[in-house]
Amino acid sequence: VGAGAIIAMASDLRLATPEAKTAFLFNRVGLAGCDMGA
């Protein structure tokens, strides 16, 4: 989540387990979604 989701986004390829929970949760802390190139 957050910057962790951004790191995954900035990668070239992404694999995940069925338990992966991904969230760009910037607006949930009062910020814009436009963070780190999202």
PDB file of all heavy atoms in Angstrom:
ATOM      1  N   VAL A   1       0.827  -1.203   0.000  1.00  0.00           N
ATOM      2  CA  VAL A   1       0.000   0.000   0.000  1.00  0.00           C
ATOM      3  C   VAL A   1       0.861   1.252   0.000  1.00  0.00           C
ATOM      4  O   VAL A   1       2.048   1.221   0.326  1.00  0.00           O
ATOM      5  CB  VAL A   1      -0.947   0.023   1.222  1.00  0.00           C
ATOM      6  CG1 VAL A   1      -1.869  -1.188   1.209  1.00  0.00           C
ATOM      7  CG2 VAL A   1      -0.172   0.084   2.538  1.00  0.00           C
ATOM      8  N   GLY A   2       0.225   2.376  -0.363  1.00  0.00           N
ATOM      9  CA  GLY A   2       0.924   3.647  -0.368  1.00  0.00           C
ATOM     10  C   GLY A   2       2.158   3.599  -1.245  1.00  0.00           C
ATOM     11  O   GLY A   2       2.110   3.188  -2.402  1.00  0.00           O
ATOM     12  N   ALA A   3       3.286   4.002  -0.684  1.00  0.00           N
ATOM     13  CA  ALA A   3       4.530   3.982  -1.440  1.00  0.00           C
ATOM     14  C   ALA A   3       4.930   2.565  -1.840  1.00  0.00           C
ATOM     15  O   ALA A   3       5.635   2.374  -2.828  1.00  0.00           O
ATOM     16  CB  ALA A   3       5.652   4.630  -0.632  1.00  0.00           C
ATOM     17  N   GLY A   4       4.476   1.560  -1.094  1.00  0.00           N
ATOM     18  CA  GLY A   4       4.728   0.185  -1.495  1.00  0.00           C
ATOM     19  C   GLY A   4       4.043  -0.142  -2.807  1.00  0.00           C
ATOM     20  O   GLY A   4       4.619  -0.800  -3.684  1.00  0.00           O
ATOM     21  N   ALA A   5       2.793   0.314  -2.971  1.00  0.00           N
ATOM     22  CA  ALA A   5       2.080   0.123  -4.233  1.00  0.00           C
ATOM     23  C   ALA A   5       2.780   0.871  -5.362  1.00  0.00           C
ATOM     24  O   ALA A   5       2.808   0.402  -6.505  1.00  0.00           O
ATOM     25  CB  ALA A   5       0.635   0.583  -4.101  1.00  0.00           C
ATOM     26  N   ILE A   6       3.358   2.017  -5.042  1.00  0.00           N
ATOM     27  CA  ILE A   6       4.093   2.781  -6.048  1.00  0.00           C
ATOM     28  C   ILE A   6       5.340   2.021  -6.504  1.00  0.00           C
ATOM     29  O   ILE A   6       5.663   1.977  -7.697  1.00  0.00           O
ATOM     30  CB  ILE A   6       4.486   4.162  -5.506  1.00  0.00           C
ATOM     31  CG1 ILE A   6       3.240   5.010  -5.211  1.00  0.00           C
ATOM     32  CG2 ILE A   6       5.420   4.880  -6.468  1.00  0.00           C
ATOM     33  CD1 ILE A   6       2.501   5.488  -6.425  1.00  0.00           C
ATOM     34  N   ILE A   7       6.062   1.403  -5.567  1.00  0.00           N
ATOM     35  CA  ILE A   7       7.240   0.621  -5.931  1.00  0.00           C
ATOM     36  C   ILE A   7       6.845  -0.515  -6.866  1.00  0.00           C
ATOM     37  O   ILE A   7       7.509  -0.776  -7.871  1.00  0.00           O
ATOM     38  CB  ILE A   7       7.947   0.096  -4.669  1.00  0.00           C
ATOM     39  CG1 ILE A   7       8.640   1.245  -3.935  1.00  0.00           C
ATOM     40  CG2 ILE A   7       8.957  -1.002  -5.021  1.00  0.00           C
ATOM     41  CD1 ILE A   7       9.203   0.865  -2.584  1.00  0.00           C
ATOM     42  N   ALA A   8       5.746  -1.204  -6.539  1.00  0.00           N
ATOM     43  CA  ALA A   8       5.267  -2.259  -7.437  1.00  0.00           C
ATOM     44  C   ALA A   8       4.892  -1.676  -8.792  1.00  0.00           C
ATOM     45  O   ALA A   8       5.231  -2.241  -9.841  1.00  0.00           O
ATOM     46  CB  ALA A   8       4.073  -2.969  -6.802  1.00  0.00           C
ATOM     47  N   MET A   9       4.198  -0.549  -8.795  1.00  0.00           N
ATOM     48  CA  MET A   9       3.791   0.107 -10.037  1.00  0.00           C
ATOM     49  C   MET A   9       4.990   0.490 -10.893  1.00  0.00           C
ATOM     50  O   MET A   9       4.968   0.347 -12.122  1.00  0.00           O
ATOM     51  CB  MET A   9       2.985   1.365  -9.693  1.00  0.00           C
ATOM     52  CG  MET A   9       2.530   2.202 -10.875  1.00  0.00           C
ATOM     53  SD  MET A   9       2.011   3.877 -10.364  1.00  0.00           S
ATOM     54  CE  MET A   9       3.623   4.662 -10.114  1.00  0.00           C
ATOM     55  N   ALA A  10       6.064   0.962 -10.257  1.00  0.00           N
ATOM     56  CA  ALA A  10       7.240   1.430 -10.992  1.00  0.00           C
ATOM     57  C   ALA A  10       8.101   0.287 -11.506  1.00  0.00           C
ATOM     58  O   ALA A  10       9.047   0.530 -12.271  1.00  0.00           O
ATOM     59  CB  ALA A  10       8.078   2.347 -10.100  1.00  0.00           C
ATOM     60  N   SER A  11       7.804  -0.935 -11.113  1.00  0.00           N
ATOM     61  CA  SER A  11       8.551  -2.090 -11.596  1.00  0.00           C
ATOM     62  C   SER A  11       8.105  -2.440 -13.013  1.00  0.00           C
ATOM     63  O   SER A  11       7.026  -2.052 -13.457  1.00  0.00           O
ATOM     64  CB  SER A  11       8.338  -3.283 -10.663  1.00  0.00           C
ATOM     65  OG  SER A  11       8.769  -2.981  -9.346  1.00  0.00           O
ATOM     66  N   ASP A  12       8.917  -3.209 -13.694  1.00  0.00           N
ATOM     67  CA  ASP A  12       8.589  -3.596 -15.068  1.00  0.00           C
ATOM     68  C   ASP A  12       7.581  -4.736 -15.112  1.00  0.00           C
ATOM     69  O   ASP A  12       6.728  -4.787 -16.000  1.00  0.00           O
ATOM     70  CB  ASP A  12       9.865  -4.010 -15.803  1.00  0.00           C
ATOM     71  CG  ASP A  12      10.872  -2.876 -15.880  1.00  0.00           C
ATOM     72  OD1 ASP A  12      10.716  -2.007 -16.751  1.00  0.00           O
ATOM     73  OD2 ASP A  12      11.803  -2.860 -15.061  1.00  0.00           O
ATOM     74  N   LEU A  13       7.708  -5.667 -14.185  1.00  0.00           N
ATOM     75  CA  LEU A  13       6.836  -6.836 -14.122  1.00  0.00           C
ATOM     76  C   LEU A  13       6.420  -7.045 -12.674  1.00  0.00           C
ATOM     77  O   LEU A  13       7.185  -6.752 -11.745  1.00  0.00           O
ATOM     78  CB  LEU A  13       7.571  -8.082 -14.636  1.00  0.00           C
ATOM     79  CG  LEU A  13       8.046  -8.029 -16.086  1.00  0.00           C
ATOM     80  CD1 LEU A  13       9.067  -9.132 -16.341  1.00  0.00           C
ATOM     81  CD2 LEU A  13       6.871  -8.154 -17.035  1.00  0.00           C
ATOM     82  N   ARG A  14       5.216  -7.591 -12.494  1.00  0.00           N
ATOM     83  CA  ARG A  14       4.688  -7.776 -11.145  1.00  0.00           C
ATOM     84  C   ARG A  14       4.040  -9.144 -11.022  1.00  0.00           C
ATOM     85  O   ARG A  14       3.150  -9.488 -11.812  1.00  0.00           O
ATOM     86  CB  ARG A  14       3.660  -6.675 -10.822  1.00  0.00           C
ATOM     87  CG  ARG A  14       4.266  -5.292 -10.668  1.00  0.00           C
ATOM     88  CD  ARG A  14       3.223  -4.186 -10.767  1.00  0.00           C
ATOM     89  NE  ARG A  14       2.685  -4.125 -12.126  1.00  0.00           N
ATOM     90  CZ  ARG A  14       3.270  -3.472 -13.125  1.00  0.00           C
ATOM     91  NH1 ARG A  14       4.393  -2.809 -12.921  1.00  0.00           N
ATOM     92  NH2 ARG A  14       2.740  -3.480 -14.336  1.00  0.00           N
ATOM     93  N   LEU A  15       4.473  -9.918 -10.039  1.00  0.00           N
ATOM     94  CA  LEU A  15       3.828 -11.157  -9.649  1.00  0.00           C
ATOM     95  C   LEU A  15       3.222 -10.948  -8.271  1.00  0.00           C
ATOM     96  O   LEU A  15       3.693 -10.116  -7.493  1.00  0.00           O
ATOM     97  CB  LEU A  15       4.835 -12.306  -9.588  1.00  0.00           C
ATOM     98  CG  LEU A  15       5.709 -12.563 -10.820  1.00  0.00           C
ATOM     99  CD1 LEU A  15       6.654 -13.726 -10.553  1.00  0.00           C
ATOM    100  CD2 LEU A  15       4.860 -12.820 -12.051  1.00  0.00           C
ATOM    101  N   ALA A  16       2.185 -11.726  -7.954  1.00  0.00           N
ATOM    102  CA  ALA A  16       1.557 -11.564  -6.648  1.00  0.00           C
ATOM    103  C   ALA A  16       0.971 -12.874  -6.172  1.00  0.00           C
ATOM    104  O   ALA A  16       0.681 -13.777  -6.964  1.00  0.00           O
ATOM    105  CB  ALA A  16       0.466 -10.492  -6.700  1.00  0.00           C
ATOM    106  N   THR A  17       0.794 -12.968  -4.874  1.00  0.00           N
ATOM    107  CA  THR A  17       0.067 -14.090  -4.289  1.00  0.00           C
ATOM    108  C   THR A  17      -1.413 -13.726  -4.213  1.00  0.00           C
ATOM    109  O   THR A  17      -1.779 -12.539  -4.284  1.00  0.00           O
ATOM    110  CB  THR A  17       0.572 -14.401  -2.872  1.00  0.00           C
ATOM    111  OG1 THR A  17       0.171 -13.341  -1.985  1.00  0.00           O
ATOM    112  CG2 THR A  17       2.090 -14.540  -2.847  1.00  0.00           C
ATOM    113  N   PRO A  18      -2.293 -14.726  -4.051  1.00  0.00           N
ATOM    114  CA  PRO A  18      -3.718 -14.417  -3.889  1.00  0.00           C
ATOM    115  C   PRO A  18      -4.007 -13.559  -2.659  1.00  0.00           C
ATOM    116  O   PRO A  18      -5.075 -12.935  -2.577  1.00  0.00           O
ATOM    117  CB  PRO A  18      -4.361 -15.804  -3.750  1.00  0.00           C
ATOM    118  CG  PRO A  18      -3.422 -16.726  -4.452  1.00  0.00           C
ATOM    119  CD  PRO A  18      -2.050 -16.171  -4.170  1.00  0.00           C
ATOM    120  N   GLU A  19      -3.058 -13.509  -1.725  1.00  0.00           N
ATOM    121  CA  GLU A  19      -3.256 -12.724  -0.501  1.00  0.00           C
ATOM    122  C   GLU A  19      -2.813 -11.272  -0.643  1.00  0.00           C
ATOM    123  O   GLU A  19      -2.951 -10.480   0.302  1.00  0.00           O
ATOM    124  CB  GLU A  19      -2.489 -13.372   0.662  1.00  0.00           C
ATOM    125  CG  GLU A  19      -3.015 -14.727   1.101  1.00  0.00           C
ATOM    126  CD  GLU A  19      -2.679 -15.853   0.133  1.00  0.00           C
ATOM    127  OE1 GLU A  19      -1.588 -15.813  -0.479  1.00  0.00           O
ATOM    128  OE2 GLU A  19      -3.521 -16.762  -0.029  1.00  0.00           O
ATOM    129  N   ALA A  20      -2.295 -10.896  -1.789  1.00  0.00           N
ATOM    130  CA  ALA A  20      -1.804  -9.530  -1.974  1.00  0.00           C
ATOM    131  C   ALA A  20      -2.951  -8.530  -1.898  1.00  0.00           C
ATOM    132  O   ALA A  20      -4.006  -8.718  -2.511  1.00  0.00           O
ATOM    133  CB  ALA A  20      -1.092  -9.405  -3.315  1.00  0.00           C
ATOM    134  N   LYS A  21      -2.732  -7.471  -1.152  1.00  0.00           N
ATOM    135  CA  LYS A  21      -3.710  -6.385  -1.005  1.00  0.00           C
ATOM    136  C   LYS A  21      -3.014  -5.087  -1.363  1.00  0.00           C
ATOM    137  O   LYS A  21      -2.118  -4.630  -0.659  1.00  0.00           O
ATOM    138  CB  LYS A  21      -4.256  -6.345   0.420  1.00  0.00           C
ATOM    139  CG  LYS A  21      -5.003  -7.606   0.838  1.00  0.00           C
ATOM    140  CD  LYS A  21      -5.433  -7.545   2.287  1.00  0.00           C
ATOM    141  CE  LYS A  21      -6.269  -8.759   2.677  1.00  0.00           C
ATOM    142  NZ  LYS A  21      -5.513 -10.030   2.540  1.00  0.00           N
ATOM    143  N   THR A  22      -3.442  -4.488  -2.473  1.00  0.00           N
ATOM    144  CA  THR A  22      -2.759  -3.330  -3.032  1.00  0.00           C
ATOM    145  C   THR A  22      -3.657  -2.112  -2.961  1.00  0.00           C
ATOM    146  O   THR A  22      -4.812  -2.166  -3.397  1.00  0.00           O
ATOM    147  CB  THR A  22      -2.369  -3.605  -4.499  1.00  0.00           C
ATOM    148  OG1 THR A  22      -1.673  -4.856  -4.572  1.00  0.00           O
ATOM    149  CG2 THR A  22      -1.493  -2.500  -5.044  1.00  0.00           C
ATOM    150  N   ALA A  23      -3.138  -1.011  -2.433  1.00  0.00           N
ATOM    151  CA  ALA A  23      -3.953   0.204  -2.316  1.00  0.00           C
ATOM    152  C   ALA A  23      -3.086   1.446  -2.469  1.00  0.00           C
ATOM    153  O   ALA A  23      -2.022   1.557  -1.846  1.00  0.00           O
ATOM    154  CB  ALA A  23      -4.677   0.245  -0.974  1.00  0.00           C
ATOM    155  N   PHE A  24      -3.562   2.360  -3.299  1.00  0.00           N
ATOM    156  CA  PHE A  24      -2.950   3.685  -3.433  1.00  0.00           C
ATOM    157  C   PHE A  24      -3.752   4.607  -2.519  1.00  0.00           C
ATOM    158  O   PHE A  24      -4.620   5.360  -2.968  1.00  0.00           O
ATOM    159  CB  PHE A  24      -2.999   4.133  -4.891  1.00  0.00           C
ATOM    160  CG  PHE A  24      -2.253   3.207  -5.818  1.00  0.00           C
ATOM    161  CD1 PHE A  24      -2.854   2.047  -6.302  1.00  0.00           C
ATOM    162  CD2 PHE A  24      -0.951   3.480  -6.196  1.00  0.00           C
ATOM    163  CE1 PHE A  24      -2.162   1.182  -7.148  1.00  0.00           C
ATOM    164  CE2 PHE A  24      -0.247   2.622  -7.035  1.00  0.00           C
ATOM    165  CZ  PHE A  24      -0.852   1.468  -7.509  1.00  0.00           C
ATOM    166  N   LEU A  25      -3.439   4.544  -1.224  1.00  0.00           N
ATOM    167  CA  LEU A  25      -4.359   5.073  -0.218  1.00  0.00           C
ATOM    168  C   LEU A  25      -4.064   6.512   0.198  1.00  0.00           C
ATOM    169  O   LEU A  25      -4.429   6.936   1.299  1.00  0.00           O
ATOM    170  CB  LEU A  25      -4.356   4.148   1.015  1.00  0.00           C
ATOM    171  CG  LEU A  25      -3.029   3.604   1.546  1.00  0.00           C
ATOM    172  CD1 LEU A  25      -2.125   4.678   2.080  1.00  0.00           C
ATOM    173  CD2 LEU A  25      -3.301   2.536   2.591  1.00  0.00           C
ATOM    174  N   PHE A  26      -3.462   7.291  -0.686  1.00  0.00           N
ATOM    175  CA  PHE A  26      -3.040   8.628  -0.310  1.00  0.00           C
ATOM    176  C   PHE A  26      -4.212   9.522   0.116  1.00  0.00           C
ATOM    177  O   PHE A  26      -4.100  10.313   1.047  1.00  0.00           O
ATOM    178  CB  PHE A  26      -2.262   9.262  -1.469  1.00  0.00           C
ATOM    179  CG  PHE A  26      -1.126   8.402  -1.935  1.00  0.00           C
ATOM    180  CD1 PHE A  26      -1.206   7.713  -3.138  1.00  0.00           C
ATOM    181  CD2 PHE A  26       0.007   8.249  -1.162  1.00  0.00           C
ATOM    182  CE1 PHE A  26      -0.178   6.893  -3.565  1.00  0.00           C
ATOM    183  CE2 PHE A  26       1.048   7.432  -1.569  1.00  0.00           C
ATOM    184  CZ  PHE A  26       0.955   6.747  -2.763  1.00  0.00           C
ATOM    185  N   ASN A  27      -5.364   9.391  -0.576  1.00  0.00           N
ATOM    186  CA  ASN A  27      -6.482  10.267  -0.204  1.00  0.00           C
ATOM    187  C   ASN A  27      -7.066   9.890   1.154  1.00  0.00           C
ATOM    188  O   ASN A  27      -7.756  10.679   1.784  1.00  0.00           O
ATOM    189  CB  ASN A  27      -7.564  10.258  -1.288  1.00  0.00           C
ATOM    190  CG  ASN A  27      -8.505   9.080  -1.182  1.00  0.00           C
ATOM    191  OD1 ASN A  27      -8.085   7.951  -0.897  1.00  0.00           O
ATOM    192  ND2 ASN A  27      -9.782   9.331  -1.436  1.00  0.00           N
ATOM    193  N   ARG A  28      -6.772   8.695   1.638  1.00  0.00           N
ATOM    194  CA  ARG A  28      -7.264   8.292   2.945  1.00  0.00           C
ATOM    195  C   ARG A  28      -6.492   8.952   4.079  1.00  0.00           C
ATOM    196  O   ARG A  28      -6.910   8.903   5.236  1.00  0.00           O
ATOM    197  CB  ARG A  28      -7.223   6.766   3.073  1.00  0.00           C
ATOM    198  CG  ARG A  28      -8.284   6.101   2.185  1.00  0.00           C
ATOM    199  CD  ARG A  28      -8.079   4.616   2.008  1.00  0.00           C
ATOM    200  NE  ARG A  28      -8.077   3.879   3.271  1.00  0.00           N
ATOM    201  CZ  ARG A  28      -7.885   2.565   3.364  1.00  0.00           C
ATOM    202  NH1 ARG A  28      -7.672   1.854   2.258  1.00  0.00           N
ATOM    203  NH2 ARG A  28      -7.894   1.967   4.530  1.00  0.00           N
ATOM    204  N   VAL A  29      -5.353   9.565   3.747  1.00  0.00           N
ATOM    205  CA  VAL A  29      -4.624  10.343   4.749  1.00  0.00           C
ATOM    206  C   VAL A  29      -4.653  11.828   4.392  1.00  0.00           C
ATOM    207  O   VAL A  29      -3.806  12.611   4.820  1.00  0.00           O
ATOM    208  CB  VAL A  29      -3.163   9.843   4.900  1.00  0.00           C
ATOM    209  CG1 VAL A  29      -3.151   8.428   5.445  1.00  0.00           C
ATOM    210  CG2 VAL A  29      -2.395   9.913   3.581  1.00  0.00           C
ATOM    211  N   GLY A  30      -5.648  12.222   3.590  1.00  0.00           N
ATOM    212  CA  GLY A  30      -5.841  13.630   3.279  1.00  0.00           C
ATOM    213  C   GLY A  30      -4.972  14.174   2.172  1.00  0.00           C
ATOM    214  O   GLY A  30      -4.839  15.401   2.038  1.00  0.00           O
ATOM    215  N   LEU A  31      -4.389  13.282   1.363  1.00  0.00           N
ATOM    216  CA  LEU A  31      -3.508  13.730   0.290  1.00  0.00           C
ATOM    217  C   LEU A  31      -4.103  13.382  -1.068  1.00  0.00           C
ATOM    218  O   LEU A  31      -5.021  12.571  -1.172  1.00  0.00           O
ATOM    219  CB  LEU A  31      -2.131  13.066   0.428  1.00  0.00           C
ATOM    220  CG  LEU A  31      -1.350  13.412   1.695  1.00  0.00           C
ATOM    221  CD1 LEU A  31      -0.056  12.603   1.754  1.00  0.00           C
ATOM    222  CD2 LEU A  31      -1.049  14.907   1.769  1.00  0.00           C
ATOM    223  N   ALA A  32      -3.549  13.990  -2.113  1.00  0.00           N
ATOM    224  CA  ALA A  32      -3.991  13.707  -3.474  1.00  0.00           C
ATOM    225  C   ALA A  32      -3.458  12.355  -3.930  1.00  0.00           C
ATOM    226  O   ALA A  32      -2.426  11.871  -3.453  1.00  0.00           O
ATOM    227  CB  ALA A  32      -3.501  14.807  -4.422  1.00  0.00           C
ATOM    228  N   GLY A  33      -4.152  11.774  -4.876  1.00  0.00           N
ATOM    229  CA  GLY A  33      -3.691  10.521  -5.443  1.00  0.00           C
ATOM    230  C   GLY A  33      -2.473  10.672  -6.329  1.00  0.00           C
ATOM    231  O   GLY A  33      -1.834   9.684  -6.686  1.00  0.00           O
ATOM    232  N   CYS A  34      -2.135  11.916  -6.683  1.00  0.00           N
ATOM    233  CA  CYS A  34      -1.002  12.162  -7.594  1.00  0.00           C
ATOM    234  C   CYS A  34       0.299  12.137  -6.806  1.00  0.00           C
ATOM    235  O   CYS A  34       0.889  13.171  -6.524  1.00  0.00           O
ATOM    236  CB  CYS A  34      -1.183  13.496  -8.324  1.00  0.00           C
ATOM    237  SG  CYS A  34      -1.450  14.907  -7.238  1.00  0.00           S
ATOM    238  N   ASP A  35       0.758  10.949  -6.459  1.00  0.00           N
ATOM    239  CA  ASP A  35       1.945  10.807  -5.634  1.00  0.00           C
ATOM    240  C   ASP A  35       2.971   9.940  -6.351  1.00  0.00           C
ATOM    241  O   ASP A  35       2.649   8.847  -6.835  1.00  0.00           O
ATOM    242  CB  ASP A  35       1.581  10.174  -4.284  1.00  0.00           C
ATOM    243  CG  ASP A  35       2.682  10.355  -3.251  1.00  0.00           C
ATOM    244  OD1 ASP A  35       2.709  11.412  -2.604  1.00  0.00           O
ATOM    245  OD2 ASP A  35       3.499   9.438  -3.090  1.00  0.00           O
ATOM    246  N   MET A  36       4.196  10.428  -6.454  1.00  0.00           N
ATOM    247  CA  MET A  36       5.313   9.649  -6.995  1.00  0.00           C
ATOM    248  C   MET A  36       5.021   9.148  -8.407  1.00  0.00           C
ATOM    249  O   MET A  36       5.453   8.063  -8.792  1.00  0.00           O
ATOM    250  CB  MET A  36       5.654   8.481  -6.059  1.00  0.00           C
ATOM    251  CG  MET A  36       6.077   8.905  -4.663  1.00  0.00           C
ATOM    252  SD  MET A  36       6.229   7.512  -3.491  1.00  0.00           S
ATOM    253  CE  MET A  36       7.667   6.658  -4.145  1.00  0.00           C
ATOM    254  N   GLY A  37       4.282   9.904  -9.191  1.00  0.00           N
ATOM    255  CA  GLY A  37       4.013   9.543 -10.573  1.00  0.00           C
ATOM    256  C   GLY A  37       2.800   8.668 -10.792  1.00  0.00           C
ATOM    257  O   GLY A  37       2.570   8.191 -11.909  1.00  0.00           O
ATOM    258  N   ALA A  38       1.962   8.479  -9.766  1.00  0.00           N
ATOM    259  CA  ALA A  38       0.829   7.556  -9.880  1.00  0.00           C
ATOM    260  C   ALA A  38      -0.145   7.966 -10.979  1.00  0.00           C
ATOM    261  O   ALA A  38      -0.660   7.105 -11.710  1.00  0.00           O
ATOM    262  CB  ALA A  38       0.093   7.452  -8.544  1.00  0.00           C
TER     263      ALA A  38
END
